[in-house]
Amino acid sequence: MPQIFSPAADTWFRLALVLTAFLIVAAGLLIGGTMTSSYATLVGWPQSQPVPFSHEHHVGGLGLDCRYCHTTVETSPHAGLPPTHVCMTCHSQVWTDAPMLAPVRESLASGRPIPWVRVARVPDYVFFNHSIHVARGVPCAECHGRVDRMPLTYRAEPFRMSWCLDCHRDPAPHLRPPDQVTRMDWSDWGRSDADKAYGVAAMKAFDIHPATLVACDVCHR
């Protein structure tokens, strides 16, 4: 009976299996690396906006409170983007003819809102409520970073599921006095015994239970 396979067929078959396994592993590493890279998460990438608004100038320089522009952050799931008349509260008096503010003046004149590009966005299948986090004392800087140092706004955190769950599993280190949530610099927090004990005390006061915070329907409804 004639031989169907050549003597080298077994060697070629083994080589093909090894090569296939190598390609699968390489593809997995490539995809995994891409999905966790800043290219995918957009961390550190400023977004192009119709007006180059500088949080560094307005928050860090002028000391504007986050709630002056994001008016619904304490009462709604959404922080809200500032309507044009909020911008014009100041810019009807200062920098009135600045070319970069032309879209703001046009928006006021036409009644059409400025098409701001959302920087901090979670997927549509994720429910996030700003008001409950603010009420419990999660600082703005915890999720949005030091916006007072951002000439152009970028995403400071990846907003991945694992990142959210890390906080939900252990909320205490992330909690601060609710009346100070818009404070940007927390570098001196934790030096006193009162600071160190605050998170655990806040969890008791607000009846926060990590076991319930990791339930799927908390964020996926």
Foldseek 3Di string as FASTA:
>chain_A
DDDPDDPCPVVVVVVVVVVVVVVVVVVVVVVVVVCPDCVNLQAPPFDDFLAQAALLCVCVNVNDFLCLAQVCLQPWQGSDGHWLVSVCVPCVPPCVPPPSCVVSVVCVVVVPGGPTDDADDDDPQWRGGSNVCLVLAQAPCNFQNQSNPGSGGHGNDSNDPVVVLVCLQPVLVRGDPSVCRRDHDPPVAPPDPCSVCVSVVSCVVVVRDSVVSPDPVVTGD
